[in-house]
Amino acid sequence: MAAIGVHFGYTCACVAVFKDGRADVVANDAGDRVTPAIVAYRDNEQIVELRQNRGEFEMLQTQSSNFDDPETQAHKAETKCEVINKGDKPFYKIQLDERTEHISPQEVAKLIFHKMKETAQSALGSDVKEAVITVPFEFAQAQKTALRYCTLVHLLTAAGA
């Protein structure tokens, strides 16, 4: 069975597969080996790796933060998207057609992980059930825990997350 590794950074993500004694970073649909950690919402579609679109969300800095945390407030000031307080947690407020939706940082992370899993499965030609997840050294334990939860609950069985 092949193994995969997913790196989830502040601005990008990538996936590598280990097969036949060799590790290779896998290219995404666009041929890039690094995918921007951005999700764009357009109409009823969620697209990972697009830039310069209406309703795009870069994620990770606020993975497990409270709304009033300095980290969240700094991210709120820098992002193009409206960040709102919902139950003392940050959510992105987006307008899709006639309706407003609130998207959690965890939902954005889940979509990016899903894209990495699809990329790995395409390269391997088989389903992926386990992964090693890496993050930047500076990530707080709460951020690591939030990502591990996204991975375990939504996509993969994490080994060493």
C-alpha atoms as a PDB file:
ATOM      1  CA  MET A   1       0.000   0.000   0.000  1.00  0.00           C
ATOM      2  CA  ALA A   2       1.265   3.476  -0.869  1.00  0.00           C
ATOM      3  CA  ALA A   3       1.573   6.197   1.755  1.00  0.00           C
ATOM      4  CA  ILE A   4       0.913   9.908   1.347  1.00  0.00           C
ATOM      5  CA  GLY A   5       2.091  13.008   3.123  1.00  0.00           C
ATOM      6  CA  VAL A   6       0.198  16.291   3.101  1.00  0.00           C
ATOM      7  CA  HIS A   7       1.832  19.579   4.025  1.00  0.00           C
ATOM      8  CA  PHE A   8      -0.619  22.279   5.008  1.00  0.00           C
ATOM      9  CA  GLY A   9       1.060  25.668   5.297  1.00  0.00           C
ATOM     10  CA  TYR A  10      -0.048  29.239   5.860  1.00  0.00           C
ATOM     11  CA  THR A  11      -0.543  29.964   2.168  1.00  0.00           C
ATOM     12  CA  CYS A  12      -0.269  26.674   0.307  1.00  0.00           C
ATOM     13  CA  ALA A  13      -0.618  22.914   0.523  1.00  0.00           C
ATOM     14  CA  CYS A  14       1.061  20.025  -1.251  1.00  0.00           C
ATOM     15  CA  VAL A  15       0.851  16.257  -1.285  1.00  0.00           C
ATOM     16  CA  ALA A  16       3.510  13.600  -1.810  1.00  0.00           C
ATOM     17  CA  VAL A  17       3.122   9.890  -2.383  1.00  0.00           C
ATOM     18  CA  PHE A  18       5.553   7.200  -1.256  1.00  0.00           C
ATOM     19  CA  LYS A  19       5.409   4.240  -3.574  1.00  0.00           C
ATOM     20  CA  ASP A  20       7.929   1.624  -4.642  1.00  0.00           C
ATOM     21  CA  GLY A  21      10.555   3.018  -2.258  1.00  0.00           C
ATOM     22  CA  ARG A  22      10.348   6.530  -3.649  1.00  0.00           C
ATOM     23  CA  ALA A  23       8.638   9.770  -2.564  1.00  0.00           C
ATOM     24  CA  ASP A  24       7.268  12.182  -5.159  1.00  0.00           C
ATOM     25  CA  VAL A  25       5.437  15.486  -4.732  1.00  0.00           C
ATOM     26  CA  VAL A  26       2.357  15.175  -6.922  1.00  0.00           C
ATOM     27  CA  ALA A  27       1.227  17.868  -9.355  1.00  0.00           C
ATOM     28  CA  ASN A  28      -2.353  19.144  -9.104  1.00  0.00           C
ATOM     29  CA  ASP A  29      -4.810  19.528 -12.011  1.00  0.00           C
ATOM     30  CA  ALA A  30      -3.008  22.678 -13.176  1.00  0.00           C
ATOM     31  CA  GLY A  31       0.367  20.908 -13.217  1.00  0.00           C
ATOM     32  CA  ASP A  32       1.637  22.716 -10.114  1.00  0.00           C
ATOM     33  CA  ARG A  33       3.236  20.822  -7.234  1.00  0.00           C
ATOM     34  CA  VAL A  34       2.044  23.430  -4.740  1.00  0.00           C
ATOM     35  CA  THR A  35      -1.630  24.380  -4.392  1.00  0.00           C
ATOM     36  CA  PRO A  36      -2.664  27.748  -2.916  1.00  0.00           C
ATOM     37  CA  ALA A  37      -4.520  27.246   0.381  1.00  0.00           C
ATOM     38  CA  ILE A  38      -7.478  29.180  -0.984  1.00  0.00           C
ATOM     39  CA  VAL A  39     -11.075  28.170  -1.569  1.00  0.00           C
ATOM     40  CA  ALA A  40     -13.218  30.197  -3.955  1.00  0.00           C
ATOM     41  CA  TYR A  41     -17.001  30.067  -3.798  1.00  0.00           C
ATOM     42  CA  ARG A  42     -18.653  30.765  -7.120  1.00  0.00           C
ATOM     43  CA  ASP A  43     -22.355  30.140  -7.630  1.00  0.00           C
ATOM     44  CA  ASN A  44     -22.891  26.735  -5.979  1.00  0.00           C
ATOM     45  CA  GLU A  45     -19.340  25.550  -6.569  1.00  0.00           C
ATOM     46  CA  GLN A  46     -16.360  25.365  -4.196  1.00  0.00           C
ATOM     47  CA  ILE A  47     -13.019  25.545  -5.980  1.00  0.00           C
ATOM     48  CA  VAL A  48      -9.624  25.015  -4.376  1.00  0.00           C
ATOM     49  CA  GLU A  49      -6.558  26.757  -5.842  1.00  0.00           C
ATOM     50  CA  LEU A  50      -8.085  29.699  -7.675  1.00  0.00           C
ATOM     51  CA  ARG A  51      -6.994  33.256  -7.011  1.00  0.00           C
ATOM     52  CA  GLN A  52      -8.554  36.634  -7.728  1.00  0.00           C
ATOM     53  CA  ASN A  53     -12.141  35.429  -7.483  1.00  0.00           C
ATOM     54  CA  ARG A  54     -15.126  36.848  -5.688  1.00  0.00           C
ATOM     55  CA  GLY A  55     -15.604  35.070  -2.386  1.00  0.00           C
ATOM     56  CA  GLU A  56     -12.189  33.513  -1.913  1.00  0.00           C
ATOM     57  CA  PHE A  57     -10.944  32.434   1.498  1.00  0.00           C
ATOM     58  CA  GLU A  58      -7.391  31.807   2.538  1.00  0.00           C
ATOM     59  CA  MET A  59      -7.232  29.821   5.690  1.00  0.00           C
ATOM     60  CA  LEU A  60      -5.354  28.386   8.560  1.00  0.00           C
ATOM     61  CA  GLN A  61      -4.226  31.222  10.752  1.00  0.00           C
ATOM     62  CA  THR A  62      -7.590  31.156  12.536  1.00  0.00           C
ATOM     63  CA  GLN A  63      -8.088  27.387  12.701  1.00  0.00           C
ATOM     64  CA  SER A  64      -8.926  27.196  16.391  1.00  0.00           C
ATOM     65  CA  SER A  65      -8.935  30.799  17.508  1.00  0.00           C
ATOM     66  CA  ASN A  66     -11.598  32.694  19.338  1.00  0.00           C
ATOM     67  CA  PHE A  67     -12.981  35.686  17.500  1.00  0.00           C
ATOM     68  CA  ASP A  68     -11.330  38.182  19.865  1.00  0.00           C
ATOM     69  CA  ASP A  69      -7.841  36.609  19.691  1.00  0.00           C
ATOM     70  CA  PRO A  70      -5.195  38.985  18.293  1.00  0.00           C
ATOM     71  CA  GLU A  71      -4.364  36.383  15.626  1.00  0.00           C
ATOM     72  CA  THR A  72      -7.957  36.367  14.380  1.00  0.00           C
ATOM     73  CA  GLN A  73      -8.200  40.146  14.437  1.00  0.00           C
ATOM     74  CA  ALA A  74      -4.970  40.453  12.428  1.00  0.00           C
ATOM     75  CA  HIS A  75      -6.277  37.947   9.876  1.00  0.00           C
ATOM     76  CA  LYS A  76      -9.602  39.800   9.754  1.00  0.00           C
ATOM     77  CA  ALA A  77      -7.783  43.045   8.893  1.00  0.00           C
ATOM     78  CA  GLU A  78      -5.715  41.386   6.138  1.00  0.00           C
ATOM     79  CA  THR A  79      -8.290  39.224   4.365  1.00  0.00           C
ATOM     80  CA  LYS A  80     -10.496  40.379   1.502  1.00  0.00           C
ATOM     81  CA  CYS A  81     -13.444  38.513   3.010  1.00  0.00           C
ATOM     82  CA  GLU A  82     -15.738  39.607   5.796  1.00  0.00           C
ATOM     83  CA  VAL A  83     -14.976  37.750   9.026  1.00  0.00           C
ATOM     84  CA  ILE A  84     -17.818  37.655  11.553  1.00  0.00           C
ATOM     85  CA  ASN A  85     -18.262  36.535  15.149  1.00  0.00           C
ATOM     86  CA  LYS A  86     -20.495  33.482  15.503  1.00  0.00           C
ATOM     87  CA  GLY A  87     -20.477  31.873  18.940  1.00  0.00           C
ATOM     88  CA  ASP A  88     -17.137  33.570  19.745  1.00  0.00           C
ATOM     89  CA  LYS A  89     -15.548  31.831  16.735  1.00  0.00           C
ATOM     90  CA  PRO A  90     -14.493  33.418  13.434  1.00  0.00           C
ATOM     91  CA  PHE A  91     -16.553  32.617  10.341  1.00  0.00           C
ATOM     92  CA  TYR A  92     -16.354  33.942   6.802  1.00  0.00           C
ATOM     93  CA  LYS A  93     -19.520  35.620   5.571  1.00  0.00           C
ATOM     94  CA  ILE A  94     -20.179  35.014   1.892  1.00  0.00           C
ATOM     95  CA  GLN A  95     -22.982  35.934  -0.457  1.00  0.00           C
ATOM     96  CA  LEU A  96     -24.048  33.178  -2.856  1.00  0.00           C
ATOM     97  CA  ASP A  97     -26.776  34.274  -5.225  1.00  0.00           C
ATOM     98  CA  GLU A  98     -29.614  35.424  -2.960  1.00  0.00           C
ATOM     99  CA  ARG A  99     -28.403  33.775   0.246  1.00  0.00           C
ATOM    100  CA  THR A 100     -25.759  34.509   2.855  1.00  0.00           C
ATOM    101  CA  GLU A 101     -23.634  31.677   4.229  1.00  0.00           C
ATOM    102  CA  HIS A 102     -21.183  31.483   7.107  1.00  0.00           C
ATOM    103  CA  ILE A 103     -18.156  29.287   6.436  1.00  0.00           C
ATOM    104  CA  SER A 104     -15.916  28.108   9.271  1.00  0.00           C
ATOM    105  CA  PRO A 105     -12.121  27.920   9.006  1.00  0.00           C
ATOM    106  CA  GLN A 106     -12.474  24.169   9.523  1.00  0.00           C
ATOM    107  CA  GLU A 107     -14.750  23.882   6.477  1.00  0.00           C
ATOM    108  CA  VAL A 108     -12.157  25.667   4.345  1.00  0.00           C
ATOM    109  CA  ALA A 109      -9.413  23.358   5.679  1.00  0.00           C
ATOM    110  CA  LYS A 110     -11.606  20.327   4.969  1.00  0.00           C
ATOM    111  CA  LEU A 111     -12.028  21.379   1.330  1.00  0.00           C
ATOM    112  CA  ILE A 112      -8.295  21.913   0.890  1.00  0.00           C
ATOM    113  CA  PHE A 113      -7.536  18.506   2.431  1.00  0.00           C
ATOM    114  CA  HIS A 114     -10.141  16.955   0.139  1.00  0.00           C
ATOM    115  CA  LYS A 115      -8.356  18.470  -2.870  1.00  0.00           C
ATOM    116  CA  MET A 116      -5.017  17.074  -1.664  1.00  0.00           C
ATOM    117  CA  LYS A 117      -6.582  13.647  -1.201  1.00  0.00           C
ATOM    118  CA  GLU A 118      -8.074  13.741  -4.723  1.00  0.00           C
ATOM    119  CA  THR A 119      -4.686  14.732  -6.150  1.00  0.00           C
ATOM    120  CA  ALA A 120      -2.985  11.805  -4.386  1.00  0.00           C
ATOM    121  CA  GLN A 121      -5.681   9.323  -5.409  1.00  0.00           C
ATOM    122  CA  SER A 122      -5.385  10.436  -9.021  1.00  0.00           C
ATOM    123  CA  ALA A 123      -1.618   9.858  -8.954  1.00  0.00           C
ATOM    124  CA  LEU A 124      -1.910   6.506  -7.190  1.00  0.00           C
ATOM    125  CA  GLY A 125      -4.958   5.178  -8.987  1.00  0.00           C
ATOM    126  CA  SER A 126      -6.369   3.974  -5.678  1.00  0.00           C
ATOM    127  CA  ASP A 127      -8.230   5.231  -2.616  1.00  0.00           C
ATOM    128  CA  VAL A 128      -6.293   6.968   0.163  1.00  0.00           C
ATOM    129  CA  LYS A 129      -7.194   6.143   3.753  1.00  0.00           C
ATOM    130  CA  GLU A 130      -4.116   7.266   5.703  1.00  0.00           C
ATOM    131  CA  ALA A 131      -1.786  10.225   5.623  1.00  0.00           C
ATOM    132  CA  VAL A 132       0.997  11.914   7.509  1.00  0.00           C
ATOM    133  CA  ILE A 133       0.154  15.594   7.962  1.00  0.00           C
ATOM    134  CA  THR A 134       2.815  18.281   8.411  1.00  0.00           C
ATOM    135  CA  VAL A 135       2.368  21.931   9.351  1.00  0.00           C
ATOM    136  CA  PRO A 136       4.703  24.878   9.952  1.00  0.00           C
ATOM    137  CA  PHE A 137       6.726  24.754  13.167  1.00  0.00           C
ATOM    138  CA  GLU A 138       5.002  27.904  14.477  1.00  0.00           C
ATOM    139  CA  PHE A 139       1.539  26.325  14.556  1.00  0.00           C
ATOM    140  CA  ALA A 140       0.101  26.274  18.053  1.00  0.00           C
ATOM    141  CA  GLN A 141      -1.108  22.989  19.490  1.00  0.00           C
ATOM    142  CA  ALA A 142      -4.710  24.190  19.144  1.00  0.00           C
ATOM    143  CA  GLN A 143      -4.178  24.734  15.391  1.00  0.00           C
ATOM    144  CA  LYS A 144      -2.656  21.269  15.025  1.00  0.00           C
ATOM    145  CA  THR A 145      -5.549  19.738  16.946  1.00  0.00           C
ATOM    146  CA  ALA A 146      -8.118  21.528  14.770  1.00  0.00           C
ATOM    147  CA  LEU A 147      -6.446  20.275  11.585  1.00  0.00           C
ATOM    148  CA  ARG A 148      -6.173  16.765  12.967  1.00  0.00           C
ATOM    149  CA  TYR A 149      -9.890  16.853  13.728  1.00  0.00           C
ATOM    150  CA  CYS A 150     -10.693  17.985  10.164  1.00  0.00           C
ATOM    151  CA  THR A 151      -8.560  15.189   8.804  1.00  0.00           C
ATOM    152  CA  LEU A 152      -9.863  12.448  11.080  1.00  0.00           C
ATOM    153  CA  VAL A 153     -13.527  13.326  10.887  1.00  0.00           C
ATOM    154  CA  HIS A 154     -13.815  14.400   7.286  1.00  0.00           C
ATOM    155  CA  LEU A 155     -11.196  12.749   5.126  1.00  0.00           C
ATOM    156  CA  LEU A 156      -8.434  10.509   6.296  1.00  0.00           C
ATOM    157  CA  THR A 157      -7.051   8.559   9.202  1.00  0.00           C
ATOM    158  CA  ALA A 158      -4.096  10.684  10.237  1.00  0.00           C
ATOM    159  CA  ALA A 159      -0.843   9.113  11.322  1.00  0.00           C
ATOM    160  CA  GLY A 160       1.293  11.495  13.325  1.00  0.00           C
ATOM    161  CA  ALA A 161      -0.832  14.590  12.759  1.00  0.00           C
END
